[in-house]
């Protein structure tokens, strides 16, 4: 919380070149299944939350933008490609997965359902395993070292020993 009791959220891209801070209440969180969002995220859908009415500051770097339609710019990290923003005439949405604590942002509605992939609703029925359960077929997991930025702000990134 800020000094005036406004919530604070932080996040950024996978490589740490772009970081953000949001001060104030987040707007509606949603999932968009439209084909443009599928392509922009390289995924089945785009989870986004509105920051309209809150203060958004870029605390390290800034996104690069791609104009994906006559009304929308999509921001992403130019270094690692992480999708970060959806900017439309009515405001900015941030990618929920780019937040340091994405579990606290719960989508309330789905948009673009005409393009929803037919198997999306059955994904929860698939068998599930933890990452290390695959170590016999992917032995590289045993000594894997993540170079992703951690889920918190850092003074410097990358660390001196890796730069």
N, C-alpha and C. Protein backbone atom coordinates (compact mmCIF):
# COMPACT_ATOMS: atom_id res chain seq x y z
N UNK A 1 0.84 -1.18 0.00
CA UNK A 1 0.00 0.00 0.00
C UNK A 1 0.89 1.25 0.00
N UNK A 2 0.40 2.28 -0.65
CA UNK A 2 1.10 3.55 -0.66
C UNK A 2 0.81 4.30 0.64
N UNK A 3 1.44 5.43 0.83
CA UNK A 3 1.22 6.23 2.04
C UNK A 3 -0.24 6.66 2.20
N UNK A 4 -0.95 6.83 1.09
CA UNK A 4 -2.36 7.21 1.19
C UNK A 4 -3.29 6.00 1.03
N UNK A 5 -2.77 4.80 1.37
CA UNK A 5 -3.53 3.55 1.37
C UNK A 5 -4.06 3.12 0.01
N UNK A 6 -3.36 3.50 -1.04
CA UNK A 6 -3.70 3.01 -2.37
C UNK A 6 -2.90 1.74 -2.63
N UNK A 7 -3.53 0.70 -3.20
CA UNK A 7 -2.78 -0.52 -3.48
C UNK A 7 -1.65 -0.28 -4.48
N UNK A 8 -0.58 -1.03 -4.35
CA UNK A 8 0.55 -0.95 -5.27
C UNK A 8 0.80 -2.33 -5.85
N UNK A 9 0.97 -2.37 -7.15
CA UNK A 9 1.27 -3.61 -7.88
C UNK A 9 2.54 -3.38 -8.69
N UNK A 10 3.36 -4.41 -8.80
CA UNK A 10 4.57 -4.32 -9.62
C UNK A 10 4.63 -5.51 -10.56
N UNK A 11 5.45 -5.37 -11.57
CA UNK A 11 5.63 -6.46 -12.52
C UNK A 11 6.60 -6.07 -13.60
N UNK A 12 6.72 -6.94 -14.58
CA UNK A 12 7.62 -6.66 -15.69
C UNK A 12 7.77 -7.85 -16.60
N UNK A 13 8.70 -7.71 -17.49
CA UNK A 13 8.93 -8.74 -18.50
C UNK A 13 9.80 -9.87 -17.96
N UNK A 14 9.97 -10.87 -18.78
CA UNK A 14 10.75 -12.05 -18.42
C UNK A 14 12.22 -11.74 -18.20
N UNK A 15 12.80 -10.85 -18.98
CA UNK A 15 14.25 -10.60 -18.88
C UNK A 15 14.60 -9.49 -17.90
N UNK A 16 13.62 -8.69 -17.46
CA UNK A 16 13.88 -7.62 -16.51
C UNK A 16 14.22 -6.28 -17.13
N UNK A 17 14.24 -6.19 -18.45
CA UNK A 17 14.55 -4.92 -19.10
C UNK A 17 13.44 -3.90 -18.94
N UNK A 18 12.20 -4.38 -18.75
CA UNK A 18 11.05 -3.50 -18.58
C UNK A 18 10.34 -3.88 -17.28
N UNK A 19 10.16 -2.90 -16.40
CA UNK A 19 9.45 -3.09 -15.14
C UNK A 19 8.41 -1.99 -14.99
N UNK A 20 7.31 -2.31 -14.31
CA UNK A 20 6.26 -1.31 -14.08
C UNK A 20 5.80 -1.31 -12.63
N UNK A 21 5.13 -0.22 -12.28
CA UNK A 21 4.52 -0.07 -10.96
C UNK A 21 3.16 0.57 -11.17
N UNK A 22 2.12 -0.01 -10.58
CA UNK A 22 0.77 0.53 -10.66
C UNK A 22 0.36 0.92 -9.25
N UNK A 23 -0.06 2.18 -9.09
CA UNK A 23 -0.56 2.64 -7.80
C UNK A 23 -2.03 2.99 -7.96
N UNK A 24 -2.87 2.31 -7.18
CA UNK A 24 -4.31 2.52 -7.25
C UNK A 24 -5.02 1.23 -7.60
N UNK A 25 -6.32 1.27 -7.51
CA UNK A 25 -7.12 0.08 -7.76
C UNK A 25 -7.06 -0.33 -9.22
N UNK A 26 -6.96 -1.62 -9.44
CA UNK A 26 -7.02 -2.15 -10.79
C UNK A 26 -8.47 -2.19 -11.24
N UNK A 27 -8.68 -2.13 -12.55
CA UNK A 27 -10.03 -2.23 -13.11
C UNK A 27 -10.39 -3.68 -13.34
N UNK A 28 -11.30 -3.88 -14.26
CA UNK A 28 -11.77 -5.23 -14.55
C UNK A 28 -10.67 -6.08 -15.17
N UNK A 29 -10.59 -7.31 -14.71
CA UNK A 29 -9.67 -8.29 -15.29
C UNK A 29 -10.48 -9.20 -16.21
N UNK A 30 -9.89 -9.54 -17.34
CA UNK A 30 -10.62 -10.34 -18.32
C UNK A 30 -9.68 -11.26 -19.09
N UNK A 31 -10.30 -12.14 -19.82
CA UNK A 31 -9.62 -13.03 -20.76
C UNK A 31 -10.17 -12.67 -22.13
N UNK A 32 -9.30 -12.47 -23.11
CA UNK A 32 -9.78 -12.23 -24.47
C UNK A 32 -9.34 -13.37 -25.37
N UNK A 33 -10.31 -13.97 -26.05
CA UNK A 33 -10.06 -15.10 -26.93
C UNK A 33 -9.95 -14.69 -28.40
N UNK A 34 -10.08 -13.39 -28.72
CA UNK A 34 -10.08 -13.00 -30.13
C UNK A 34 -8.77 -13.42 -30.79
N UNK A 35 -8.80 -13.58 -32.08
CA UNK A 35 -7.63 -14.06 -32.81
C UNK A 35 -6.45 -13.10 -32.70
N UNK A 36 -6.71 -11.80 -32.64
CA UNK A 36 -5.62 -10.83 -32.50
C UNK A 36 -4.91 -11.04 -31.16
N UNK A 37 -5.66 -11.25 -30.09
CA UNK A 37 -5.04 -11.48 -28.78
C UNK A 37 -4.30 -12.82 -28.75
N UNK A 38 -4.87 -13.84 -29.38
CA UNK A 38 -4.16 -15.12 -29.44
C UNK A 38 -2.80 -14.95 -30.09
N UNK A 39 -2.75 -14.23 -31.19
CA UNK A 39 -1.47 -14.03 -31.88
C UNK A 39 -0.53 -13.14 -31.09
N UNK A 40 -1.06 -12.08 -30.48
CA UNK A 40 -0.22 -11.15 -29.73
C UNK A 40 0.45 -11.83 -28.54
N UNK A 41 -0.23 -12.77 -27.90
CA UNK A 41 0.30 -13.47 -26.75
C UNK A 41 0.95 -14.80 -27.13
N UNK A 42 0.74 -15.25 -28.37
CA UNK A 42 1.25 -16.56 -28.77
C UNK A 42 0.65 -17.64 -27.90
N UNK A 43 -0.62 -17.49 -27.59
CA UNK A 43 -1.26 -18.37 -26.61
C UNK A 43 -2.72 -18.58 -26.97
N UNK A 44 -3.41 -19.34 -26.12
CA UNK A 44 -4.83 -19.64 -26.37
C UNK A 44 -5.71 -18.41 -26.17
N UNK A 45 -5.28 -17.47 -25.32
CA UNK A 45 -6.03 -16.26 -25.03
C UNK A 45 -5.12 -15.26 -24.34
N UNK A 46 -5.63 -14.05 -24.14
CA UNK A 46 -4.86 -12.99 -23.49
C UNK A 46 -5.53 -12.61 -22.17
N UNK A 47 -4.86 -12.83 -21.04
CA UNK A 47 -5.38 -12.37 -19.75
C UNK A 47 -4.90 -10.94 -19.50
N UNK A 48 -5.84 -10.00 -19.33
CA UNK A 48 -5.53 -8.59 -19.19
C UNK A 48 -6.29 -7.97 -18.03
N UNK A 49 -5.72 -6.92 -17.45
CA UNK A 49 -6.42 -6.15 -16.42
C UNK A 49 -6.27 -4.67 -16.73
N UNK A 50 -7.36 -3.95 -16.59
CA UNK A 50 -7.37 -2.51 -16.85
C UNK A 50 -6.66 -1.76 -15.72
N UNK A 51 -5.87 -0.76 -16.11
CA UNK A 51 -5.25 0.12 -15.11
C UNK A 51 -5.82 1.53 -15.25
N UNK A 52 -6.93 1.65 -15.93
CA UNK A 52 -7.62 2.93 -16.08
C UNK A 52 -7.99 3.43 -14.68
N UNK A 53 -7.63 4.65 -14.37
CA UNK A 53 -7.92 5.22 -13.06
C UNK A 53 -6.80 5.03 -12.05
N UNK A 54 -5.83 4.19 -12.37
CA UNK A 54 -4.66 3.99 -11.51
C UNK A 54 -3.47 4.70 -12.17
N UNK A 55 -2.40 4.84 -11.43
CA UNK A 55 -1.19 5.45 -11.97
C UNK A 55 -0.23 4.35 -12.41
N UNK A 56 0.15 4.35 -13.67
CA UNK A 56 1.09 3.39 -14.23
C UNK A 56 2.40 4.10 -14.50
N UNK A 57 3.49 3.60 -13.90
CA UNK A 57 4.83 4.13 -14.15
C UNK A 57 5.72 3.01 -14.64
N UNK A 58 6.54 3.31 -15.63
CA UNK A 58 7.55 2.36 -16.09
C UNK A 58 8.80 2.64 -15.25
N UNK A 59 9.20 1.70 -14.43
CA UNK A 59 10.30 1.92 -13.49
C UNK A 59 11.65 1.46 -14.03
N UNK A 60 11.66 0.65 -15.06
CA UNK A 60 12.90 0.28 -15.76
C UNK A 60 12.53 0.04 -17.22
N UNK A 61 13.16 0.78 -18.09
CA UNK A 61 12.88 0.64 -19.52
C UNK A 61 11.45 1.01 -19.84
N UNK A 62 11.07 0.78 -21.08
CA UNK A 62 9.71 1.01 -21.54
C UNK A 62 9.41 0.01 -22.63
N UNK A 63 8.14 -0.31 -22.81
CA UNK A 63 7.80 -1.26 -23.87
C UNK A 63 8.02 -0.65 -25.26
N UNK A 64 8.19 -1.51 -26.21
CA UNK A 64 8.13 -1.15 -27.61
C UNK A 64 6.69 -1.45 -28.03
N UNK A 65 6.16 -0.74 -29.02
CA UNK A 65 4.76 -0.90 -29.38
C UNK A 65 4.58 -1.36 -30.82
N UNK A 66 3.55 -2.17 -31.01
CA UNK A 66 3.12 -2.61 -32.33
C UNK A 66 1.65 -2.20 -32.48
N UNK A 67 1.34 -1.51 -33.54
CA UNK A 67 -0.05 -1.11 -33.80
C UNK A 67 -0.75 -2.30 -34.45
N UNK A 68 -1.54 -3.04 -33.68
CA UNK A 68 -2.15 -4.27 -34.17
C UNK A 68 -3.47 -4.04 -34.89
N UNK A 69 -4.05 -2.86 -34.74
CA UNK A 69 -5.28 -2.53 -35.45
C UNK A 69 -5.42 -1.01 -35.51
N UNK A 70 -6.50 -0.55 -36.10
CA UNK A 70 -6.71 0.89 -36.21
C UNK A 70 -6.96 1.55 -34.86
N UNK A 71 -7.21 0.78 -33.81
CA UNK A 71 -7.50 1.34 -32.49
C UNK A 71 -6.59 0.85 -31.37
N UNK A 72 -5.75 -0.12 -31.62
CA UNK A 72 -5.01 -0.75 -30.52
C UNK A 72 -3.50 -0.79 -30.79
N UNK A 73 -2.75 -0.41 -29.75
CA UNK A 73 -1.29 -0.60 -29.71
C UNK A 73 -1.01 -1.67 -28.67
N UNK A 74 -0.09 -2.54 -28.98
CA UNK A 74 0.30 -3.60 -28.03
C UNK A 74 1.75 -3.41 -27.66
N UNK A 75 2.00 -3.30 -26.36
CA UNK A 75 3.35 -3.10 -25.87
C UNK A 75 3.99 -4.41 -25.46
N UNK A 76 5.29 -4.51 -25.72
CA UNK A 76 6.03 -5.73 -25.39
C UNK A 76 7.48 -5.35 -25.11
N UNK A 77 8.21 -6.24 -24.47
CA UNK A 77 9.63 -6.01 -24.25
C UNK A 77 10.37 -6.27 -25.55
N UNK A 78 11.15 -5.30 -26.00
CA UNK A 78 11.91 -5.44 -27.24
C UNK A 78 13.06 -6.44 -27.10
N UNK A 79 13.48 -6.72 -25.85
CA UNK A 79 14.60 -7.64 -25.64
C UNK A 79 14.16 -9.10 -25.58
N UNK A 80 13.08 -9.40 -24.84
CA UNK A 80 12.68 -10.80 -24.67
C UNK A 80 11.32 -11.14 -25.28
N UNK A 81 10.56 -10.13 -25.71
CA UNK A 81 9.29 -10.37 -26.37
C UNK A 81 8.07 -10.52 -25.48
N UNK A 82 8.23 -10.41 -24.17
CA UNK A 82 7.10 -10.58 -23.27
C UNK A 82 5.98 -9.59 -23.61
N UNK A 83 4.74 -10.07 -23.85
CA UNK A 83 3.62 -9.16 -24.05
C UNK A 83 3.33 -8.42 -22.74
N UNK A 84 3.12 -7.10 -22.81
CA UNK A 84 2.92 -6.30 -21.60
C UNK A 84 1.63 -5.48 -21.60
N UNK A 85 1.30 -4.82 -22.71
CA UNK A 85 0.16 -3.90 -22.69
C UNK A 85 -0.78 -4.09 -23.87
N UNK A 86 -1.99 -3.63 -23.63
CA UNK A 86 -3.03 -3.50 -24.64
C UNK A 86 -3.56 -2.09 -24.45
N UNK A 87 -3.28 -1.19 -25.40
CA UNK A 87 -3.68 0.21 -25.26
C UNK A 87 -4.74 0.51 -26.31
N UNK A 88 -5.94 0.87 -25.83
CA UNK A 88 -7.07 1.21 -26.69
C UNK A 88 -7.55 2.62 -26.33
N UNK A 89 -8.48 3.17 -27.09
CA UNK A 89 -8.96 4.52 -26.77
C UNK A 89 -9.51 4.66 -25.35
N UNK A 90 -9.99 3.58 -24.75
CA UNK A 90 -10.56 3.68 -23.41
C UNK A 90 -9.56 3.38 -22.29
N UNK A 91 -8.29 3.19 -22.61
CA UNK A 91 -7.29 3.00 -21.57
C UNK A 91 -6.31 1.88 -21.85
N UNK A 92 -5.51 1.59 -20.82
CA UNK A 92 -4.44 0.60 -20.92
C UNK A 92 -4.80 -0.64 -20.10
N UNK A 93 -4.55 -1.78 -20.69
CA UNK A 93 -4.64 -3.05 -19.98
C UNK A 93 -3.25 -3.62 -19.89
N UNK A 94 -2.93 -4.24 -18.76
CA UNK A 94 -1.64 -4.91 -18.59
C UNK A 94 -1.85 -6.42 -18.59
N UNK A 95 -0.86 -7.14 -19.09
CA UNK A 95 -0.90 -8.60 -19.10
C UNK A 95 -0.84 -9.11 -17.65
N UNK A 96 -1.83 -9.87 -17.25
CA UNK A 96 -1.90 -10.36 -15.87
C UNK A 96 -0.66 -11.19 -15.52
N UNK A 97 -0.18 -11.99 -16.45
CA UNK A 97 0.99 -12.82 -16.19
C UNK A 97 2.27 -12.05 -15.99
N UNK A 98 2.29 -10.77 -16.35
CA UNK A 98 3.49 -9.94 -16.18
C UNK A 98 3.58 -9.35 -14.77
N UNK A 99 2.51 -9.44 -13.99
CA UNK A 99 2.54 -8.94 -12.61
C UNK A 99 3.37 -9.86 -11.73
N UNK A 100 3.99 -9.31 -10.70
CA UNK A 100 4.78 -10.12 -9.78
C UNK A 100 3.92 -11.10 -9.00
N UNK A 101 2.66 -10.75 -8.76
CA UNK A 101 1.72 -11.63 -8.04
C UNK A 101 0.45 -11.81 -8.87
N UNK A 102 0.53 -12.53 -9.97
CA UNK A 102 -0.65 -12.64 -10.84
C UNK A 102 -1.83 -13.37 -10.20
N UNK A 103 -1.59 -14.19 -9.21
CA UNK A 103 -2.68 -14.95 -8.59
C UNK A 103 -3.70 -14.05 -7.91
N UNK A 104 -3.31 -12.83 -7.55
CA UNK A 104 -4.25 -11.93 -6.87
C UNK A 104 -5.15 -11.16 -7.84
N UNK A 105 -4.99 -11.38 -9.14
CA UNK A 105 -5.80 -10.69 -10.15
C UNK A 105 -6.68 -11.73 -10.84
N UNK A 106 -7.94 -11.74 -10.49
CA UNK A 106 -8.87 -12.77 -10.94
C UNK A 106 -9.74 -12.25 -12.09
N UNK A 107 -9.66 -12.89 -13.27
CA UNK A 107 -10.52 -12.47 -14.38
C UNK A 107 -11.99 -12.66 -14.03
N UNK A 108 -12.81 -11.70 -14.51
CA UNK A 108 -14.24 -11.71 -14.22
C UNK A 108 -15.11 -11.97 -15.45
N UNK A 109 -14.51 -11.85 -16.65
CA UNK A 109 -15.30 -12.01 -17.88
C UNK A 109 -14.37 -12.48 -19.00
N UNK A 110 -14.98 -13.13 -20.01
CA UNK A 110 -14.26 -13.54 -21.21
C UNK A 110 -14.82 -12.75 -22.40
N UNK A 111 -13.93 -12.26 -23.23
CA UNK A 111 -14.32 -11.54 -24.45
C UNK A 111 -13.87 -12.34 -25.66
N UNK A 112 -14.41 -11.99 -26.82
CA UNK A 112 -13.97 -12.61 -28.07
C UNK A 112 -14.23 -14.10 -28.14
N UNK A 113 -15.29 -14.55 -27.50
CA UNK A 113 -15.53 -15.99 -27.40
C UNK A 113 -15.84 -16.65 -28.76
N UNK A 114 -16.13 -15.82 -29.77
CA UNK A 114 -16.36 -16.40 -31.09
C UNK A 114 -15.10 -17.08 -31.63
N UNK A 115 -13.93 -16.67 -31.13
CA UNK A 115 -12.66 -17.26 -31.59
C UNK A 115 -12.05 -18.21 -30.54
N UNK A 116 -12.80 -18.50 -29.49
CA UNK A 116 -12.28 -19.40 -28.45
C UNK A 116 -11.93 -20.74 -29.07
N UNK A 117 -10.73 -21.22 -28.79
CA UNK A 117 -10.30 -22.51 -29.32
C UNK A 117 -11.16 -23.61 -28.70
N UNK A 118 -11.54 -24.60 -29.49
CA UNK A 118 -12.53 -25.58 -29.03
C UNK A 118 -12.10 -26.42 -27.83
N UNK A 119 -10.82 -26.51 -27.55
CA UNK A 119 -10.36 -27.36 -26.45
C UNK A 119 -10.02 -26.60 -25.17
N UNK A 120 -10.14 -25.28 -25.17
CA UNK A 120 -9.75 -24.48 -24.01
C UNK A 120 -10.50 -24.90 -22.75
N UNK A 121 -11.79 -25.13 -22.86
CA UNK A 121 -12.59 -25.47 -21.68
C UNK A 121 -12.28 -26.86 -21.13
N UNK A 122 -11.63 -27.71 -21.92
CA UNK A 122 -11.33 -29.06 -21.43
C UNK A 122 -9.91 -29.19 -20.87
N UNK A 123 -9.11 -28.13 -20.93
CA UNK A 123 -7.74 -28.19 -20.42
C UNK A 123 -7.68 -28.61 -18.95
N UNK A 124 -8.56 -28.11 -18.08
CA UNK A 124 -8.49 -28.55 -16.68
C UNK A 124 -8.71 -30.06 -16.48
N UNK A 125 -9.27 -30.73 -17.46
CA UNK A 125 -9.49 -32.17 -17.36
C UNK A 125 -8.25 -32.98 -17.73
N UNK A 126 -7.23 -32.35 -18.31
CA UNK A 126 -6.02 -33.06 -18.68
C UNK A 126 -5.24 -33.49 -17.43
N UNK A 127 -4.49 -34.59 -17.52
CA UNK A 127 -3.66 -34.96 -16.38
C UNK A 127 -2.64 -33.84 -16.11
N UNK A 128 -2.26 -33.67 -14.87
CA UNK A 128 -1.31 -32.62 -14.52
C UNK A 128 -0.14 -33.18 -13.72
N UNK A 129 1.04 -32.66 -13.99
CA UNK A 129 2.26 -33.07 -13.30
C UNK A 129 3.08 -31.84 -12.97
N UNK A 130 3.82 -31.90 -11.89
CA UNK A 130 4.76 -30.83 -11.56
C UNK A 130 5.96 -30.91 -12.50
N UNK A 131 6.66 -29.82 -12.68
CA UNK A 131 7.78 -29.74 -13.62
C UNK A 131 8.78 -30.86 -13.42
N UNK A 132 9.21 -31.09 -12.19
CA UNK A 132 10.26 -32.08 -11.93
C UNK A 132 9.80 -33.52 -12.13
N UNK A 133 8.53 -33.75 -12.35
CA UNK A 133 8.04 -35.10 -12.64
C UNK A 133 8.54 -35.58 -14.00
N UNK A 134 9.01 -34.67 -14.83
CA UNK A 134 9.47 -35.00 -16.18
C UNK A 134 10.98 -35.19 -16.26
N UNK A 135 11.66 -35.26 -15.13
CA UNK A 135 13.13 -35.28 -15.13
C UNK A 135 13.71 -36.50 -15.84
N UNK A 136 13.00 -37.62 -15.85
CA UNK A 136 13.54 -38.81 -16.54
C UNK A 136 13.60 -38.59 -18.05
N UNK A 137 12.65 -37.86 -18.64
CA UNK A 137 12.71 -37.61 -20.07
C UNK A 137 13.34 -36.26 -20.40
N UNK A 138 13.57 -35.45 -19.37
CA UNK A 138 14.22 -34.14 -19.58
C UNK A 138 15.26 -33.94 -18.48
N UNK A 139 16.36 -34.70 -18.52
CA UNK A 139 17.35 -34.64 -17.44
C UNK A 139 18.00 -33.27 -17.26
N UNK A 140 17.92 -32.41 -18.26
CA UNK A 140 18.49 -31.06 -18.12
C UNK A 140 17.80 -30.27 -17.01
N UNK A 141 16.61 -30.70 -16.59
CA UNK A 141 15.91 -29.99 -15.52
C UNK A 141 16.66 -30.05 -14.19
N UNK A 142 17.47 -31.08 -13.98
CA UNK A 142 18.15 -31.27 -12.69
C UNK A 142 19.09 -30.12 -12.37
N UNK A 143 19.73 -29.54 -13.38
CA UNK A 143 20.66 -28.44 -13.09
C UNK A 143 20.29 -27.16 -13.84
N UNK A 144 19.01 -27.03 -14.15
CA UNK A 144 18.50 -25.84 -14.83
C UNK A 144 18.65 -24.61 -13.94
N UNK A 145 19.16 -23.52 -14.51
CA UNK A 145 19.28 -22.25 -13.80
C UNK A 145 18.45 -21.22 -14.57
N UNK A 146 17.49 -20.62 -13.90
CA UNK A 146 16.62 -19.62 -14.53
C UNK A 146 17.35 -18.28 -14.63
N UNK A 147 17.27 -17.67 -15.80
CA UNK A 147 17.81 -16.33 -15.99
C UNK A 147 16.69 -15.30 -16.04
N UNK A 148 15.46 -15.73 -15.74
CA UNK A 148 14.35 -14.80 -15.72
C UNK A 148 14.48 -13.85 -14.54
N UNK A 149 13.94 -12.66 -14.72
CA UNK A 149 13.92 -11.69 -13.63
C UNK A 149 13.03 -12.25 -12.52
N UNK A 150 13.40 -12.06 -11.25
CA UNK A 150 12.56 -12.57 -10.17
C UNK A 150 11.27 -11.74 -10.05
N UNK A 151 10.30 -12.27 -9.33
CA UNK A 151 9.01 -11.58 -9.17
C UNK A 151 9.07 -10.54 -8.06
N UNK A 152 9.99 -9.62 -8.19
CA UNK A 152 10.10 -8.46 -7.29
C UNK A 152 11.07 -7.47 -7.92
N UNK A 153 11.00 -6.22 -7.49
CA UNK A 153 11.90 -5.21 -8.02
C UNK A 153 13.33 -5.48 -7.56
N UNK A 154 14.29 -5.12 -8.40
CA UNK A 154 15.71 -5.29 -8.09
C UNK A 154 16.42 -3.97 -8.37
N UNK A 155 17.49 -3.74 -7.64
CA UNK A 155 18.29 -2.52 -7.87
C UNK A 155 18.92 -2.55 -9.26
N UNK A 156 19.42 -3.72 -9.64
CA UNK A 156 20.12 -3.87 -10.92
C UNK A 156 19.70 -5.18 -11.55
N UNK A 157 19.64 -5.18 -12.86
CA UNK A 157 19.35 -6.41 -13.59
C UNK A 157 19.95 -6.29 -14.97
N UNK A 158 20.64 -7.29 -15.45
CA UNK A 158 20.92 -8.56 -14.78
C UNK A 158 21.96 -8.41 -13.68
N UNK A 159 22.06 -9.42 -12.83
CA UNK A 159 23.06 -9.35 -11.78
C UNK A 159 24.45 -9.18 -12.37
N UNK A 160 25.36 -8.56 -11.62
CA UNK A 160 26.71 -8.31 -12.13
C UNK A 160 27.40 -9.58 -12.61
N UNK A 161 27.20 -10.68 -11.91
CA UNK A 161 27.89 -11.92 -12.30
C UNK A 161 27.41 -12.47 -13.62
N UNK A 162 26.26 -12.02 -14.13
CA UNK A 162 25.75 -12.49 -15.42
C UNK A 162 25.86 -11.44 -16.50
N UNK A 163 26.11 -10.19 -16.17
CA UNK A 163 26.08 -9.15 -17.20
C UNK A 163 27.28 -9.15 -18.11
